[in-house]
Structures are given as structure tokens and as C-alpha cells.
PDB file of all heavy atoms in Angstrom:
ATOM      1  N   GLY A   1      70.504  61.846 148.730  1.00  0.00           N
ATOM      2  CA  GLY A   1      71.708  61.187 149.194  1.00  0.00           C
ATOM      3  C   GLY A   1      72.844  61.118 148.205  1.00  0.00           C
ATOM      4  O   GLY A   1      73.795  60.355 148.419  1.00  0.00           O
ATOM      5  N   PHE A   2      72.796  61.908 147.147  1.00  0.00           N
ATOM      6  CA  PHE A   2      73.849  61.894 146.143  1.00  0.00           C
ATOM      7  C   PHE A   2      74.747  63.121 146.305  1.00  0.00           C
ATOM      8  O   PHE A   2      74.394  64.067 147.015  1.00  0.00           O
ATOM      9  CB  PHE A   2      73.240  61.852 144.738  1.00  0.00           C
ATOM     10  CG  PHE A   2      72.626  60.526 144.390  1.00  0.00           C
ATOM     11  CD1 PHE A   2      71.289  60.267 144.657  1.00  0.00           C
ATOM     12  CD2 PHE A   2      73.396  59.529 143.807  1.00  0.00           C
ATOM     13  CE1 PHE A   2      70.722  59.037 144.342  1.00  0.00           C
ATOM     14  CE2 PHE A   2      72.845  58.294 143.490  1.00  0.00           C
ATOM     15  CZ  PHE A   2      71.507  58.048 143.762  1.00  0.00           C
ATOM     16  N   PRO A   3      75.914  63.133 145.652  1.00  0.00           N
ATOM     17  CA  PRO A   3      76.820  64.283 145.782  1.00  0.00           C
ATOM     18  C   PRO A   3      76.165  65.592 145.349  1.00  0.00           C
ATOM     19  O   PRO A   3      75.365  65.630 144.407  1.00  0.00           O
ATOM     20  CB  PRO A   3      78.000  63.908 144.878  1.00  0.00           C
ATOM     21  CG  PRO A   3      77.976  62.417 144.829  1.00  0.00           C
ATOM     22  CD  PRO A   3      76.523  62.045 144.869  1.00  0.00           C
ATOM     23  N   GLU A   4      76.558  66.663 146.012  1.00  0.00           N
ATOM     24  CA  GLU A   4      75.933  67.968 145.797  1.00  0.00           C
ATOM     25  C   GLU A   4      75.994  68.455 144.349  1.00  0.00           C
ATOM     26  O   GLU A   4      75.033  69.077 143.872  1.00  0.00           O
ATOM     27  CB  GLU A   4      76.583  68.988 146.736  1.00  0.00           C
ATOM     28  CG  GLU A   4      75.800  70.279 146.893  1.00  0.00           C
ATOM     29  CD  GLU A   4      76.143  71.304 145.830  1.00  0.00           C
ATOM     30  OE1 GLU A   4      77.264  71.212 145.277  1.00  0.00           O
ATOM     31  OE2 GLU A   4      75.299  72.166 145.534  1.00  0.00           O
ATOM     32  N   PRO A   5      77.091  68.212 143.597  1.00  0.00           N
ATOM     33  CA  PRO A   5      77.110  68.694 142.201  1.00  0.00           C
ATOM     34  C   PRO A   5      75.957  68.172 141.352  1.00  0.00           C
ATOM     35  O   PRO A   5      75.543  68.836 140.390  1.00  0.00           O
ATOM     36  CB  PRO A   5      78.463  68.207 141.674  1.00  0.00           C
ATOM     37  CG  PRO A   5      79.321  68.105 142.893  1.00  0.00           C
ATOM     38  CD  PRO A   5      78.395  67.632 143.984  1.00  0.00           C
ATOM     39  N   LEU A   6      75.430  67.005 141.687  1.00  0.00           N
ATOM     40  CA  LEU A   6      74.326  66.459 140.912  1.00  0.00           C
ATOM     41  C   LEU A   6      73.085  67.347 141.011  1.00  0.00           C
ATOM     42  O   LEU A   6      72.324  67.476 140.049  1.00  0.00           O
ATOM     43  CB  LEU A   6      74.012  65.040 141.411  1.00  0.00           C
ATOM     44  CG  LEU A   6      73.188  64.132 140.505  1.00  0.00           C
ATOM     45  CD1 LEU A   6      73.869  63.934 139.151  1.00  0.00           C
ATOM     46  CD2 LEU A   6      72.964  62.785 141.175  1.00  0.00           C
ATOM     47  N   TYR A   7      72.916  67.995 142.154  1.00  0.00           N
ATOM     48  CA  TYR A   7      71.735  68.826 142.372  1.00  0.00           C
ATOM     49  C   TYR A   7      71.860  70.198 141.707  1.00  0.00           C
ATOM     50  O   TYR A   7      70.879  70.936 141.629  1.00  0.00           O
ATOM     51  CB  TYR A   7      71.477  68.983 143.873  1.00  0.00           C
ATOM     52  CG  TYR A   7      71.218  67.657 144.557  1.00  0.00           C
ATOM     53  CD1 TYR A   7      72.267  66.916 145.092  1.00  0.00           C
ATOM     54  CD2 TYR A   7      69.935  67.140 144.640  1.00  0.00           C
ATOM     55  CE1 TYR A   7      72.032  65.695 145.705  1.00  0.00           C
ATOM     56  CE2 TYR A   7      69.698  65.920 145.245  1.00  0.00           C
ATOM     57  CZ  TYR A   7      70.749  65.192 145.777  1.00  0.00           C
ATOM     58  OH  TYR A   7      70.508  63.987 146.376  1.00  0.00           O
ATOM     59  N   ARG A   8      73.038  70.527 141.253  1.00  0.00           N
ATOM     60  CA  ARG A   8      73.224  71.798 140.557  1.00  0.00           C
ATOM     61  C   ARG A   8      72.950  71.689 139.062  1.00  0.00           C
ATOM     62  O   ARG A   8      72.882  72.700 138.363  1.00  0.00           O
ATOM     63  CB  ARG A   8      74.652  72.315 140.776  1.00  0.00           C
ATOM     64  CG  ARG A   8      74.966  72.666 142.215  1.00  0.00           C
ATOM     65  CD  ARG A   8      76.153  73.607 142.310  1.00  0.00           C
ATOM     66  NE  ARG A   8      77.367  73.036 141.729  1.00  0.00           N
ATOM     67  CZ  ARG A   8      78.321  72.424 142.424  1.00  0.00           C
ATOM     68  NH1 ARG A   8      78.190  72.281 143.731  1.00  0.00           N
ATOM     69  NH2 ARG A   8      79.390  71.949 141.821  1.00  0.00           N
ATOM     70  N   ILE A   9      72.812  70.468 138.568  1.00  0.00           N
ATOM     71  CA  ILE A   9      72.602  70.281 137.129  1.00  0.00           C
ATOM     72  C   ILE A   9      71.212  70.784 136.741  1.00  0.00           C
ATOM     73  O   ILE A   9      70.214  70.474 137.390  1.00  0.00           O
ATOM     74  CB  ILE A   9      72.763  68.801 136.749  1.00  0.00           C
ATOM     75  CG1 ILE A   9      74.216  68.352 136.926  1.00  0.00           C
ATOM     76  CG2 ILE A   9      72.302  68.565 135.308  1.00  0.00           C
ATOM     77  CD1 ILE A   9      74.431  66.884 136.666  1.00  0.00           C
ATOM     78  N   GLN A  10      71.188  71.540 135.685  1.00  0.00           N
ATOM     79  CA  GLN A  10      69.938  71.969 135.067  1.00  0.00           C
ATOM     80  C   GLN A  10      69.924  71.484 133.610  1.00  0.00           C
ATOM     81  O   GLN A  10      70.957  71.457 132.949  1.00  0.00           O
ATOM     82  CB  GLN A  10      69.801  73.495 135.103  1.00  0.00           C
ATOM     83  CG  GLN A  10      69.723  74.083 136.502  1.00  0.00           C
ATOM     84  CD  GLN A  10      68.456  73.688 137.220  1.00  0.00           C
ATOM     85  OE1 GLN A  10      67.350  73.784 136.666  1.00  0.00           O
ATOM     86  NE2 GLN A  10      68.592  73.224 138.457  1.00  0.00           N
ATOM     87  N   TYR A  11      68.751  71.096 133.148  1.00  0.00           N
ATOM     88  CA  TYR A  11      68.594  70.719 131.740  1.00  0.00           C
ATOM     89  C   TYR A  11      67.448  71.556 131.171  1.00  0.00           C
ATOM     90  O   TYR A  11      66.271  71.170 131.237  1.00  0.00           O
ATOM     91  CB  TYR A  11      68.313  69.224 131.595  1.00  0.00           C
ATOM     92  CG  TYR A  11      68.410  68.757 130.154  1.00  0.00           C
ATOM     93  CD1 TYR A  11      69.652  68.634 129.530  1.00  0.00           C
ATOM     94  CD2 TYR A  11      67.270  68.479 129.407  1.00  0.00           C
ATOM     95  CE1 TYR A  11      69.751  68.232 128.206  1.00  0.00           C
ATOM     96  CE2 TYR A  11      67.363  68.078 128.085  1.00  0.00           C
ATOM     97  CZ  TYR A  11      68.611  67.957 127.492  1.00  0.00           C
ATOM     98  OH  TYR A  11      68.710  67.562 126.172  1.00  0.00           O
ATOM     99  N   PRO A  12      67.774  72.730 130.637  1.00  0.00           N
ATOM    100  CA  PRO A  12      66.746  73.716 130.284  1.00  0.00           C
ATOM    101  C   PRO A  12      66.128  73.528 128.899  1.00  0.00           C
ATOM    102  O   PRO A  12      65.907  74.503 128.161  1.00  0.00           O
ATOM    103  CB  PRO A  12      67.515  75.030 130.375  1.00  0.00           C
ATOM    104  CG  PRO A  12      68.909  74.674 129.943  1.00  0.00           C
ATOM    105  CD  PRO A  12      69.142  73.277 130.489  1.00  0.00           C
ATOM    106  N   ALA A  13      65.858  72.292 128.526  1.00  0.00           N
ATOM    107  CA  ALA A  13      65.222  72.062 127.232  1.00  0.00           C
ATOM    108  C   ALA A  13      63.823  72.661 127.224  1.00  0.00           C
ATOM    109  O   ALA A  13      63.108  72.608 128.230  1.00  0.00           O
ATOM    110  CB  ALA A  13      65.145  70.558 126.946  1.00  0.00           C
ATOM    111  N   PRO A  14      63.402  73.210 126.109  1.00  0.00           N
ATOM    112  CA  PRO A  14      62.024  73.729 126.023  1.00  0.00           C
ATOM    113  C   PRO A  14      61.022  72.585 125.944  1.00  0.00           C
ATOM    114  O   PRO A  14      61.364  71.447 125.577  1.00  0.00           O
ATOM    115  CB  PRO A  14      62.037  74.523 124.718  1.00  0.00           C
ATOM    116  CG  PRO A  14      63.080  73.854 123.882  1.00  0.00           C
ATOM    117  CD  PRO A  14      64.145  73.401 124.851  1.00  0.00           C
ATOM    118  N   GLY A  15      59.798  72.885 126.323  1.00  0.00           N
ATOM    119  CA  GLY A  15      58.704  71.966 126.051  1.00  0.00           C
ATOM    120  C   GLY A  15      58.074  72.283 124.704  1.00  0.00           C
ATOM    121  O   GLY A  15      58.530  73.161 123.973  1.00  0.00           O
ATOM    122  N   LEU A  16      57.014  71.556 124.377  1.00  0.00           N
ATOM    123  CA  LEU A  16      56.296  71.801 123.124  1.00  0.00           C
ATOM    124  C   LEU A  16      54.813  71.511 123.374  1.00  0.00           C
ATOM    125  O   LEU A  16      54.324  70.405 123.110  1.00  0.00           O
ATOM    126  CB  LEU A  16      56.855  70.920 122.011  1.00  0.00           C
ATOM    127  CG  LEU A  16      56.429  71.267 120.577  1.00  0.00           C
ATOM    128  CD1 LEU A  16      56.774  72.712 120.229  1.00  0.00           C
ATOM    129  CD2 LEU A  16      57.075  70.323 119.576  1.00  0.00           C
ATOM    130  N   PRO A  17      54.092  72.482 123.930  1.00  0.00           N
ATOM    131  CA  PRO A  17      52.690  72.238 124.297  1.00  0.00           C
ATOM    132  C   PRO A  17      51.824  71.723 123.152  1.00  0.00           C
ATOM    133  O   PRO A  17      50.944  70.881 123.376  1.00  0.00           O
ATOM    134  CB  PRO A  17      52.216  73.609 124.789  1.00  0.00           C
ATOM    135  CG  PRO A  17      53.463  74.263 125.308  1.00  0.00           C
ATOM    136  CD  PRO A  17      54.552  73.815 124.372  1.00  0.00           C
ATOM    137  N   ARG A  18      52.071  72.192 121.931  1.00  0.00           N
ATOM    138  CA  ARG A  18      51.255  71.713 120.806  1.00  0.00           C
ATOM    139  C   ARG A  18      51.440  70.216 120.598  1.00  0.00           C
ATOM    140  O   ARG A  18      50.484  69.500 120.319  1.00  0.00           O
ATOM    141  CB  ARG A  18      51.624  72.471 119.523  1.00  0.00           C
ATOM    142  CG  ARG A  18      51.245  73.938 119.526  1.00  0.00           C
ATOM    143  CD  ARG A  18      51.365  74.528 118.120  1.00  0.00           C
ATOM    144  NE  ARG A  18      52.657  74.235 117.497  1.00  0.00           N
ATOM    145  CZ  ARG A  18      53.765  74.942 117.718  1.00  0.00           C
ATOM    146  NH1 ARG A  18      53.750  75.967 118.560  1.00  0.00           N
ATOM    147  NH2 ARG A  18      54.885  74.640 117.106  1.00  0.00           N
ATOM    148  N   LEU A  19      52.671  69.747 120.707  1.00  0.00           N
ATOM    149  CA  LEU A  19      52.918  68.319 120.562  1.00  0.00           C
ATOM    150  C   LEU A  19      52.334  67.551 121.736  1.00  0.00           C
ATOM    151  O   LEU A  19      51.791  66.451 121.557  1.00  0.00           O
ATOM    152  CB  LEU A  19      54.424  68.053 120.438  1.00  0.00           C
ATOM    153  CG  LEU A  19      54.834  66.583 120.340  1.00  0.00           C
ATOM    154  CD1 LEU A  19      54.196  65.906 119.126  1.00  0.00           C
ATOM    155  CD2 LEU A  19      56.368  66.457 120.276  1.00  0.00           C
ATOM    156  N   ALA A  20      52.428  68.095 122.931  1.00  0.00           N
ATOM    157  CA  ALA A  20      51.844  67.434 124.097  1.00  0.00           C
ATOM    158  C   ALA A  20      50.338  67.242 123.908  1.00  0.00           C
ATOM    159  O   ALA A  20      49.787  66.175 124.224  1.00  0.00           O
ATOM    160  CB  ALA A  20      52.131  68.245 125.354  1.00  0.00           C
ATOM    161  N   GLU A  21      49.675  68.260 123.378  1.00  0.00           N
ATOM    162  CA  GLU A  21      48.241  68.149 123.123  1.00  0.00           C
ATOM    163  C   GLU A  21      47.951  67.106 122.049  1.00  0.00           C
ATOM    164  O   GLU A  21      46.972  66.346 122.142  1.00  0.00           O
ATOM    165  CB  GLU A  21      47.691  69.508 122.716  1.00  0.00           C
ATOM    166  CG  GLU A  21      47.709  70.534 123.845  1.00  0.00           C
ATOM    167  CD  GLU A  21      47.435  71.942 123.362  1.00  0.00           C
ATOM    168  OE1 GLU A  21      47.231  72.111 122.126  1.00  0.00           O
ATOM    169  OE2 GLU A  21      47.433  72.862 124.198  1.00  0.00           O
ATOM    170  N   GLU A  22      48.812  67.044 121.047  1.00  0.00           N
ATOM    171  CA  GLU A  22      48.644  66.042 119.991  1.00  0.00           C
ATOM    172  C   GLU A  22      48.828  64.630 120.543  1.00  0.00           C
ATOM    173  O   GLU A  22      48.065  63.716 120.209  1.00  0.00           O
ATOM    174  CB  GLU A  22      49.651  66.310 118.870  1.00  0.00           C
ATOM    175  CG  GLU A  22      49.530  65.372 117.698  1.00  0.00           C
ATOM    176  CD  GLU A  22      50.552  65.668 116.615  1.00  0.00           C
ATOM    177  OE1 GLU A  22      51.069  66.798 116.568  1.00  0.00           O
ATOM    178  OE2 GLU A  22      50.826  64.749 115.818  1.00  0.00           O
ATOM    179  N   VAL A  23      49.827  64.444 121.408  1.00  0.00           N
ATOM    180  CA  VAL A  23      50.037  63.139 122.036  1.00  0.00           C
ATOM    181  C   VAL A  23      48.813  62.760 122.867  1.00  0.00           C
ATOM    182  O   VAL A  23      48.311  61.630 122.792  1.00  0.00           O
ATOM    183  CB  VAL A  23      51.312  63.170 122.908  1.00  0.00           C
ATOM    184  CG1 VAL A  23      51.389  61.933 123.802  1.00  0.00           C
ATOM    185  CG2 VAL A  23      52.547  63.262 122.026  1.00  0.00           C
ATOM    186  N   ARG A  24      48.333  63.710 123.654  1.00  0.00           N
ATOM    187  CA  ARG A  24      47.121  63.437 124.442  1.00  0.00           C
ATOM    188  C   ARG A  24      45.961  63.029 123.543  1.00  0.00           C
ATOM    189  O   ARG A  24      45.232  62.061 123.837  1.00  0.00           O
ATOM    190  CB  ARG A  24      46.747  64.678 125.238  1.00  0.00           C
ATOM    191  CG  ARG A  24      45.461  64.513 126.052  1.00  0.00           C
ATOM    192  CD  ARG A  24      44.836  65.849 126.389  1.00  0.00           C
ATOM    193  NE  ARG A  24      44.561  66.644 125.179  1.00  0.00           N
ATOM    194  CZ  ARG A  24      44.283  67.940 125.209  1.00  0.00           C
ATOM    195  NH1 ARG A  24      44.268  68.587 126.365  1.00  0.00           N
ATOM    196  NH2 ARG A  24      44.039  68.591 124.080  1.00  0.00           N
ATOM    197  N   ASP A  25      45.769  63.735 122.447  1.00  0.00           N
ATOM    198  CA  ASP A  25      44.640  63.441 121.568  1.00  0.00           C
ATOM    199  C   ASP A  25      44.780  62.063 120.938  1.00  0.00           C
ATOM    200  O   ASP A  25      43.784  61.332 120.796  1.00  0.00           O
ATOM    201  CB  ASP A  25      44.531  64.509 120.482  1.00  0.00           C
ATOM    202  CG  ASP A  25      44.122  65.878 121.042  1.00  0.00           C
ATOM    203  OD1 ASP A  25      43.683  65.939 122.204  1.00  0.00           O
ATOM    204  OD2 ASP A  25      44.278  66.878 120.306  1.00  0.00           O
ATOM    205  N   ARG A  26      45.980  61.684 120.557  1.00  0.00           N
ATOM    206  CA  ARG A  26      46.173  60.354 119.960  1.00  0.00           C
ATOM    207  C   ARG A  26      45.900  59.264 120.991  1.00  0.00           C
ATOM    208  O   ARG A  26      45.315  58.215 120.666  1.00  0.00           O
ATOM    209  CB  ARG A  26      47.590  60.227 119.402  1.00  0.00           C
ATOM    210  CG  ARG A  26      47.853  61.148 118.229  1.00  0.00           C
ATOM    211  CD  ARG A  26      49.205  60.893 117.613  1.00  0.00           C
ATOM    212  NE  ARG A  26      49.543  61.923 116.638  1.00  0.00           N
ATOM    213  CZ  ARG A  26      50.398  61.768 115.643  1.00  0.00           C
ATOM    214  NH1 ARG A  26      51.031  60.612 115.500  1.00  0.00           N
ATOM    215  NH2 ARG A  26      50.655  62.750 114.792  1.00  0.00           N
ATOM    216  N   LEU A  27      46.332  59.479 122.213  1.00  0.00           N
ATOM    217  CA  LEU A  27      46.064  58.501 123.265  1.00  0.00           C
ATOM    218  C   LEU A  27      44.571  58.429 123.564  1.00  0.00           C
ATOM    219  O   LEU A  27      44.025  57.343 123.819  1.00  0.00           O
ATOM    220  CB  LEU A  27      46.853  58.855 124.519  1.00  0.00           C
ATOM    221  CG  LEU A  27      48.379  58.788 124.390  1.00  0.00           C
ATOM    222  CD1 LEU A  27      49.046  59.302 125.667  1.00  0.00           C
ATOM    223  CD2 LEU A  27      48.852  57.370 124.088  1.00  0.00           C
ATOM    224  N   ALA A  28      43.903  59.577 123.538  1.00  0.00           N
ATOM    225  CA  ALA A  28      42.459  59.589 123.764  1.00  0.00           C
ATOM    226  C   ALA A  28      41.732  58.839 122.649  1.00  0.00           C
ATOM    227  O   ALA A  28      40.792  58.071 122.908  1.00  0.00           O
ATOM    228  CB  ALA A  28      41.951  61.026 123.859  1.00  0.00           C
TER     229      ALA A  28
END
């Protein structure tokens, strides 16, 4: 229900799988 330009926005930041795994391990 928001204006159409909002749906055209992309934020193409990279992920970091190694850090994601480290975060998971610390939480575990």
C-alpha cells in the first residue's frame, strides 16, 4: 500500500557467510 517508487529501491549490500556462521556459533 505504499507509493510505487518505494518498491523499486534495491539495497545490494553483500552478505558475509563466515560472520553469519560465527554469530550462529556464539549463540549456540
